[in-house]
PDB file of N, CA and C in Angstrom:
ATOM      1  N   UNK A   1      -3.428   5.893  10.110  1.00  0.00           N
ATOM      2  CA  UNK A   1      -2.976   5.458  11.484  1.00  0.00           C
ATOM      3  C   UNK A   1      -1.841   4.195  11.389  1.00  0.00           C
ATOM      4  N   UNK A   2      -1.003   4.092  12.307  1.00  0.00           N
ATOM      5  CA  UNK A   2      -0.568   2.406  11.716  1.00  0.00           C
ATOM      6  C   UNK A   2      -0.117   2.173  13.283  1.00  0.00           C
ATOM      7  N   UNK A   3      -0.612   0.786  13.514  1.00  0.00           N
ATOM      8  CA  UNK A   3      -0.689  -0.146  14.588  1.00  0.00           C
ATOM      9  C   UNK A   3       0.796  -1.232  14.124  1.00  0.00           C
ATOM     10  N   UNK A   4       1.042  -1.137  15.185  1.00  0.00           N
ATOM     11  CA  UNK A   4       2.627  -2.419  15.214  1.00  0.00           C
ATOM     12  C   UNK A   4       2.133  -3.523  16.353  1.00  0.00           C
ATOM     13  N   UNK A   5       2.410  -5.027  15.843  1.00  0.00           N
ATOM     14  CA  UNK A   5       2.271  -5.935  16.573  1.00  0.00           C
ATOM     15  C   UNK A   5       3.529  -6.899  16.379  1.00  0.00           C
ATOM     16  N   UNK A   6       3.741  -7.203  17.708  1.00  0.00           N
ATOM     17  CA  UNK A   6       5.240  -8.037  17.805  1.00  0.00           C
ATOM     18  C   UNK A   6       4.489  -9.474  17.600  1.00  0.00           C
ATOM     19  N   UNK A   7       4.987 -10.131  17.077  1.00  0.00           N
ATOM     20  CA  UNK A   7       4.889 -11.472  16.214  1.00  0.00           C
ATOM     21  C   UNK A   7       5.771 -12.659  17.316  1.00  0.00           C
ATOM     22  N   UNK A   8       5.361 -12.781  18.278  1.00  0.00           N
ATOM     23  CA  UNK A   8       6.577 -13.556  19.288  1.00  0.00           C
ATOM     24  C   UNK A   8       6.739 -14.779  18.814  1.00  0.00           C
ATOM     25  N   UNK A   9       7.764 -15.540  18.460  1.00  0.00           N
ATOM     26  CA  UNK A   9       8.122 -16.954  18.268  1.00  0.00           C
ATOM     27  C   UNK A   9       7.861 -16.904  16.827  1.00  0.00           C
ATOM     28  N   UNK A  10       7.478 -16.289  15.847  1.00  0.00           N
ATOM     29  CA  UNK A  10       7.280 -16.255  14.510  1.00  0.00           C
ATOM     30  C   UNK A  10       8.718 -17.071  13.901  1.00  0.00           C
ATOM     31  N   UNK A  11       8.908 -17.867  12.947  1.00  0.00           N
ATOM     32  CA  UNK A  11      10.267 -18.476  12.645  1.00  0.00           C
ATOM     33  C   UNK A  11       9.990 -19.011  11.112  1.00  0.00           C
ATOM     34  N   UNK A  12       8.708 -19.045  10.870  1.00  0.00           N
ATOM     35  CA  UNK A  12       8.449 -19.190   9.464  1.00  0.00           C
ATOM     36  C   UNK A  12       8.101 -18.457   8.493  1.00  0.00           C
ATOM     37  N   UNK A  13       8.996 -18.136   7.386  1.00  0.00           N
ATOM     38  CA  UNK A  13       9.095 -17.090   6.059  1.00  0.00           C
ATOM     39  C   UNK A  13       7.842 -17.413   5.462  1.00  0.00           C
ATOM     40  N   UNK A  14       7.295 -18.338   5.093  1.00  0.00           N
ATOM     41  CA  UNK A  14       6.158 -18.727   4.360  1.00  0.00           C
ATOM     42  C   UNK A  14       4.786 -18.141   5.192  1.00  0.00           C
ATOM     43  N   UNK A  15       5.006 -18.760   6.668  1.00  0.00           N
ATOM     44  CA  UNK A  15       4.430 -18.458   6.981  1.00  0.00           C
ATOM     45  C   UNK A  15       3.559 -16.587   7.489  1.00  0.00           C
ATOM     46  N   UNK A  16       4.692 -16.088   7.553  1.00  0.00           N
ATOM     47  CA  UNK A  16       4.699 -14.794   7.507  1.00  0.00           C
ATOM     48  C   UNK A  16       4.392 -13.969   6.018  1.00  0.00           C
ATOM     49  N   UNK A  17       4.372 -14.602   4.985  1.00  0.00           N
ATOM     50  CA  UNK A  17       4.198 -13.966   3.650  1.00  0.00           C
ATOM     51  C   UNK A  17       2.725 -14.091   3.657  1.00  0.00           C
ATOM     52  N   UNK A  18       2.347 -15.069   4.009  1.00  0.00           N
ATOM     53  CA  UNK A  18       0.769 -15.218   4.171  1.00  0.00           C
ATOM     54  C   UNK A  18      -0.354 -14.726   4.824  1.00  0.00           C
ATOM     55  N   UNK A  19       0.789 -13.808   6.186  1.00  0.00           N
ATOM     56  CA  UNK A  19      -0.042 -13.834   7.396  1.00  0.00           C
ATOM     57  C   UNK A  19      -0.183 -12.090   7.114  1.00  0.00           C
ATOM     58  N   UNK A  20       0.971 -11.686   6.242  1.00  0.00           N
ATOM     59  CA  UNK A  20       1.245 -10.501   5.605  1.00  0.00           C
ATOM     60  C   UNK A  20      -0.302 -10.038   4.643  1.00  0.00           C
ATOM     61  N   UNK A  21      -0.004 -11.151   3.286  1.00  0.00           N
ATOM     62  CA  UNK A  21      -1.473 -11.046   2.481  1.00  0.00           C
ATOM     63  C   UNK A  21      -2.200 -11.150   3.143  1.00  0.00           C
ATOM     64  N   UNK A  22      -2.930 -11.598   3.996  1.00  0.00           N
ATOM     65  CA  UNK A  22      -4.166 -11.536   4.294  1.00  0.00           C
ATOM     66  C   UNK A  22      -5.101 -10.826   5.545  1.00  0.00           C
ATOM     67  N   UNK A  23      -3.720  -9.978   5.998  1.00  0.00           N
ATOM     68  CA  UNK A  23      -4.148  -8.912   6.986  1.00  0.00           C
ATOM     69  C   UNK A  23      -4.018  -7.740   6.016  1.00  0.00           C
ATOM     70  N   UNK A  24      -3.357  -7.784   4.860  1.00  0.00           N
ATOM     71  CA  UNK A  24      -3.529  -6.677   3.729  1.00  0.00           C
ATOM     72  C   UNK A  24      -5.191  -6.884   3.166  1.00  0.00           C
ATOM     73  N   UNK A  25      -5.669  -7.374   2.870  1.00  0.00           N
ATOM     74  CA  UNK A  25      -6.964  -8.060   2.501  1.00  0.00           C
ATOM     75  C   UNK A  25      -8.489  -7.560   3.820  1.00  0.00           C
ATOM     76  N   UNK A  26      -8.130  -7.097   4.744  1.00  0.00           N
ATOM     77  CA  UNK A  26      -8.634  -6.820   5.645  1.00  0.00           C
ATOM     78  C   UNK A  26      -9.253  -5.386   5.728  1.00  0.00           C
ATOM     79  N   UNK A  27     -10.762  -5.227   5.793  1.00  0.00           N
ATOM     80  CA  UNK A  27     -10.972  -4.028   5.057  1.00  0.00           C
ATOM     81  C   UNK A  27     -10.499  -2.772   5.992  1.00  0.00           C
ATOM     82  N   UNK A  28     -10.421  -1.203   5.240  1.00  0.00           N
ATOM     83  CA  UNK A  28      -9.561  -0.707   6.079  1.00  0.00           C
ATOM     84  C   UNK A  28      -7.708  -0.469   5.937  1.00  0.00           C
ATOM     85  N   UNK A  29      -7.490  -1.683   5.995  1.00  0.00           N
ATOM     86  CA  UNK A  29      -5.979  -1.608   5.495  1.00  0.00           C
ATOM     87  C   UNK A  29      -5.422  -1.065   4.501  1.00  0.00           C
ATOM     88  N   UNK A  30      -4.722  -0.372   4.115  1.00  0.00           N
ATOM     89  CA  UNK A  30      -3.663   0.359   2.992  1.00  0.00           C
ATOM     90  C   UNK A  30      -2.335  -0.309   3.155  1.00  0.00           C
ATOM     91  N   UNK A  31      -1.922  -0.648   3.891  1.00  0.00           N
ATOM     92  CA  UNK A  31      -0.229  -1.401   4.042  1.00  0.00           C
ATOM     93  C   UNK A  31      -0.110  -2.618   5.125  1.00  0.00           C
ATOM     94  N   UNK A  32       0.319  -3.724   5.091  1.00  0.00           N
ATOM     95  CA  UNK A  32       0.399  -4.763   5.694  1.00  0.00           C
ATOM     96  C   UNK A  32       1.608  -4.978   5.436  1.00  0.00           C
ATOM     97  N   UNK A  33       3.141  -4.737   6.795  1.00  0.00           N
ATOM     98  CA  UNK A  33       4.246  -5.705   6.399  1.00  0.00           C
ATOM     99  C   UNK A  33       4.883  -6.480   7.724  1.00  0.00           C
ATOM    100  N   UNK A  34       5.615  -7.534   7.293  1.00  0.00           N
ATOM    101  CA  UNK A  34       5.746  -8.654   8.441  1.00  0.00           C
ATOM    102  C   UNK A  34       7.284  -8.488   7.989  1.00  0.00           C
ATOM    103  N   UNK A  35       8.081  -8.165   9.185  1.00  0.00           N
ATOM    104  CA  UNK A  35       9.256  -8.830   9.045  1.00  0.00           C
ATOM    105  C   UNK A  35       9.921  -9.742  10.022  1.00  0.00           C
ATOM    106  N   UNK A  36      10.029 -10.550   9.325  1.00  0.00           N
ATOM    107  CA  UNK A  36      10.333 -11.537   9.908  1.00  0.00           C
ATOM    108  C   UNK A  36      11.828 -11.623  11.261  1.00  0.00           C
ATOM    109  N   UNK A  37      12.919 -10.823  10.541  1.00  0.00           N
ATOM    110  CA  UNK A  37      13.804 -11.001  11.064  1.00  0.00           C
ATOM    111  C   UNK A  37      13.594  -9.886  13.020  1.00  0.00           C
ATOM    112  N   UNK A  38      12.756  -9.053  12.644  1.00  0.00           N
ATOM    113  CA  UNK A  38      12.266  -8.633  14.226  1.00  0.00           C
ATOM    114  C   UNK A  38      10.891  -8.751  14.455  1.00  0.00           C
ATOM    115  N   UNK A  39      10.518  -9.661  13.856  1.00  0.00           N
ATOM    116  CA  UNK A  39       8.778 -10.567  14.393  1.00  0.00           C
ATOM    117  C   UNK A  39       7.712  -9.028  14.561  1.00  0.00           C
ATOM    118  N   UNK A  40       7.927  -8.516  13.957  1.00  0.00           N
ATOM    119  CA  UNK A  40       6.974  -7.335  13.613  1.00  0.00           C
ATOM    120  C   UNK A  40       6.179  -7.163  12.522  1.00  0.00           C
ATOM    121  N   UNK A  41       4.670  -7.146  12.567  1.00  0.00           N
ATOM    122  CA  UNK A  41       3.880  -6.818  12.091  1.00  0.00           C
ATOM    123  C   UNK A  41       3.553  -5.614  11.808  1.00  0.00           C
ATOM    124  N   UNK A  42       3.194  -4.789  10.929  1.00  0.00           N
ATOM    125  CA  UNK A  42       3.259  -2.921  10.551  1.00  0.00           C
ATOM    126  C   UNK A  42       1.928  -3.038   9.564  1.00  0.00           C
ATOM    127  N   UNK A  43       1.130  -2.373   9.944  1.00  0.00           N
ATOM    128  CA  UNK A  43      -0.429  -2.424   9.517  1.00  0.00           C
ATOM    129  C   UNK A  43      -0.880  -0.914   9.222  1.00  0.00           C
ATOM    130  N   UNK A  44      -0.926  -0.230   8.235  1.00  0.00           N
ATOM    131  CA  UNK A  44      -1.427   1.153   8.066  1.00  0.00           C
ATOM    132  C   UNK A  44      -2.774   0.857   7.671  1.00  0.00           C
ATOM    133  N   UNK A  45      -3.680   1.413   8.411  1.00  0.00           N
ATOM    134  CA  UNK A  45      -5.152   1.468   8.192  1.00  0.00           C
ATOM    135  C   UNK A  45      -6.024   2.523   8.359  1.00  0.00           C
ATOM    136  N   UNK A  46      -6.746   3.108   7.557  1.00  0.00           N
ATOM    137  CA  UNK A  46      -7.411   4.283   7.368  1.00  0.00           C
ATOM    138  C   UNK A  46      -8.127   4.416   8.883  1.00  0.00           C
ATOM    139  N   UNK A  47      -8.315   5.934   9.112  1.00  0.00           N
ATOM    140  CA  UNK A  47      -8.966   6.112  10.415  1.00  0.00           C
ATOM    141  C   UNK A  47     -10.127   5.525  10.214  1.00  0.00           C
ATOM    142  N   UNK A  48     -10.836   5.205  11.817  1.00  0.00           N
ATOM    143  CA  UNK A  48     -12.210   5.102  12.074  1.00  0.00           C
ATOM    144  C   UNK A  48     -11.880   3.582  11.665  1.00  0.00           C
ATOM    145  N   UNK A  49     -11.430   2.628  11.343  1.00  0.00           N
ATOM    146  CA  UNK A  49     -11.438   1.581  11.086  1.00  0.00           C
ATOM    147  C   UNK A  49     -10.099   0.528  12.080  1.00  0.00           C
ATOM    148  N   UNK A  50      -9.727   1.095  13.074  1.00  0.00           N
ATOM    149  CA  UNK A  50      -8.914   0.302  13.595  1.00  0.00           C
ATOM    150  C   UNK A  50      -9.832  -0.466  15.137  1.00  0.00           C
ATOM    151  N   UNK A  51     -11.239  -0.261  14.863  1.00  0.00           N
ATOM    152  CA  UNK A  51     -11.638  -1.123  16.362  1.00  0.00           C
ATOM    153  C   UNK A  51     -11.614  -2.665  15.904  1.00  0.00           C
ATOM    154  N   UNK A  52     -11.773  -3.469  15.024  1.00  0.00           N
ATOM    155  CA  UNK A  52     -11.202  -4.616  15.335  1.00  0.00           C
ATOM    156  C   UNK A  52     -10.663  -5.154  14.736  1.00  0.00           C
ATOM    157  N   UNK A  53      -9.134  -4.514  14.139  1.00  0.00           N
ATOM    158  CA  UNK A  53      -8.121  -4.671  13.602  1.00  0.00           C
ATOM    159  C   UNK A  53      -7.777  -6.091  14.573  1.00  0.00           C
ATOM    160  N   UNK A  54      -7.239  -5.743  16.090  1.00  0.00           N
ATOM    161  CA  UNK A  54      -6.519  -6.804  16.466  1.00  0.00           C
ATOM    162  C   UNK A  54      -6.877  -8.064  16.669  1.00  0.00           C
ATOM    163  N   UNK A  55      -8.219  -8.091  16.835  1.00  0.00           N
ATOM    164  CA  UNK A  55      -9.068  -9.375  17.091  1.00  0.00           C
ATOM    165  C   UNK A  55      -8.788  -9.787  15.620  1.00  0.00           C
ATOM    166  N   UNK A  56      -8.889  -9.343  14.344  1.00  0.00           N
ATOM    167  CA  UNK A  56      -8.681 -10.082  13.204  1.00  0.00           C
ATOM    168  C   UNK A  56      -7.124 -10.690  12.775  1.00  0.00           C
ATOM    169  N   UNK A  57      -6.087  -9.553  13.291  1.00  0.00           N
ATOM    170  CA  UNK A  57      -4.898  -9.951  13.340  1.00  0.00           C
ATOM    171  C   UNK A  57      -4.676 -11.194  14.366  1.00  0.00           C
ATOM    172  N   UNK A  58      -4.800 -11.010  14.882  1.00  0.00           N
ATOM    173  CA  UNK A  58      -4.418 -12.173  16.146  1.00  0.00           C
ATOM    174  C   UNK A  58      -5.463 -13.832  15.102  1.00  0.00           C
ATOM    175  N   UNK A  59      -6.524 -13.744  14.731  1.00  0.00           N
ATOM    176  CA  UNK A  59      -7.390 -14.615  14.115  1.00  0.00           C
ATOM    177  C   UNK A  59      -6.374 -15.528  12.757  1.00  0.00           C
ATOM    178  N   UNK A  60      -5.726 -14.424  12.400  1.00  0.00           N
ATOM    179  CA  UNK A  60      -4.897 -14.877  11.273  1.00  0.00           C
ATOM    180  C   UNK A  60      -3.783 -15.430  11.244  1.00  0.00           C
ATOM    181  N   UNK A  61      -3.293 -15.069  12.364  1.00  0.00           N
ATOM    182  CA  UNK A  61      -1.956 -15.424  13.140  1.00  0.00           C
ATOM    183  C   UNK A  61      -2.348 -16.510  13.345  1.00  0.00           C
ATOM    184  N   UNK A  62      -2.825 -17.035  14.333  1.00  0.00           N
ATOM    185  CA  UNK A  62      -3.089 -17.976  15.137  1.00  0.00           C
ATOM    186  C   UNK A  62      -3.531 -19.360  13.585  1.00  0.00           C
ATOM    187  N   UNK A  63      -3.872 -19.182  12.405  1.00  0.00           N
ATOM    188  CA  UNK A  63      -4.664 -19.420  11.365  1.00  0.00           C
ATOM    189  C   UNK A  63      -3.339 -20.418  10.589  1.00  0.00           C
ATOM    190  N   UNK A  64      -2.185 -19.412  10.671  1.00  0.00           N
ATOM    191  CA  UNK A  64      -0.781 -20.346  10.080  1.00  0.00           C
ATOM    192  C   UNK A  64       0.519 -20.545  11.037  1.00  0.00           C
ATOM    193  N   UNK A  65      -0.158 -19.883  12.299  1.00  0.00           N
ATOM    194  CA  UNK A  65       0.887 -19.987  13.635  1.00  0.00           C
ATOM    195  C   UNK A  65       0.564 -20.284  14.858  1.00  0.00           C
ATOM    196  N   UNK A  66      -0.132 -20.923  15.341  1.00  0.00           N
ATOM    197  CA  UNK A  66      -1.053 -21.104  16.677  1.00  0.00           C
ATOM    198  C   UNK A  66      -0.245 -21.075  17.516  1.00  0.00           C
ATOM    199  N   UNK A  67       1.485 -21.248  17.416  1.00  0.00           N
ATOM    200  CA  UNK A  67       2.248 -21.491  18.622  1.00  0.00           C
ATOM    201  C   UNK A  67       2.751 -19.810  18.983  1.00  0.00           C
ATOM    202  N   UNK A  68       2.276 -18.937  17.915  1.00  0.00           N
ATOM    203  CA  UNK A  68       2.698 -17.461  17.951  1.00  0.00           C
ATOM    204  C   UNK A  68       2.178 -16.415  18.674  1.00  0.00           C
ATOM    205  N   UNK A  69       2.726 -15.828  19.432  1.00  0.00           N
ATOM    206  CA  UNK A  69       1.807 -14.967  20.709  1.00  0.00           C
ATOM    207  C   UNK A  69       1.790 -13.617  19.892  1.00  0.00           C
ATOM    208  N   UNK A  70       0.889 -12.829  19.860  1.00  0.00           N
ATOM    209  CA  UNK A  70       0.570 -11.321  19.298  1.00  0.00           C
ATOM    210  C   UNK A  70       0.552 -10.134  20.229  1.00  0.00           C
ATOM    211  N   UNK A  71       1.450  -9.395  20.148  1.00  0.00           N
ATOM    212  CA  UNK A  71       0.987  -8.755  21.001  1.00  0.00           C
ATOM    213  C   UNK A  71       1.181  -7.127  20.824  1.00  0.00           C
ATOM    214  N   UNK A  72      -0.078  -6.299  20.769  1.00  0.00           N
ATOM    215  CA  UNK A  72       0.141  -5.044  20.258  1.00  0.00           C
ATOM    216  C   UNK A  72       1.245  -3.777  21.031  1.00  0.00           C
ATOM    217  N   UNK A  73       1.745  -3.504  20.205  1.00  0.00           N
ATOM    218  CA  UNK A  73       2.800  -2.408  20.450  1.00  0.00           C
ATOM    219  C   UNK A  73       2.101  -1.179  20.764  1.00  0.00           C
TER     220      UNK A  73
END
């Protein structure tokens, strides 16, 4: 299963890399890619593991970029 998030106002490449790495460490996540140019985070997750993903993603993003708004697409 693939989930896409818009990371509105993301403008820090270093922070994008940290977000990508931390999301990749979440349970059930098989791939995490942040594209700074489009301000998108694409996450591949195992079936049945998506329940708490959005909450965890928002927490990670706020840790590195408090002013970024996470929008689930």
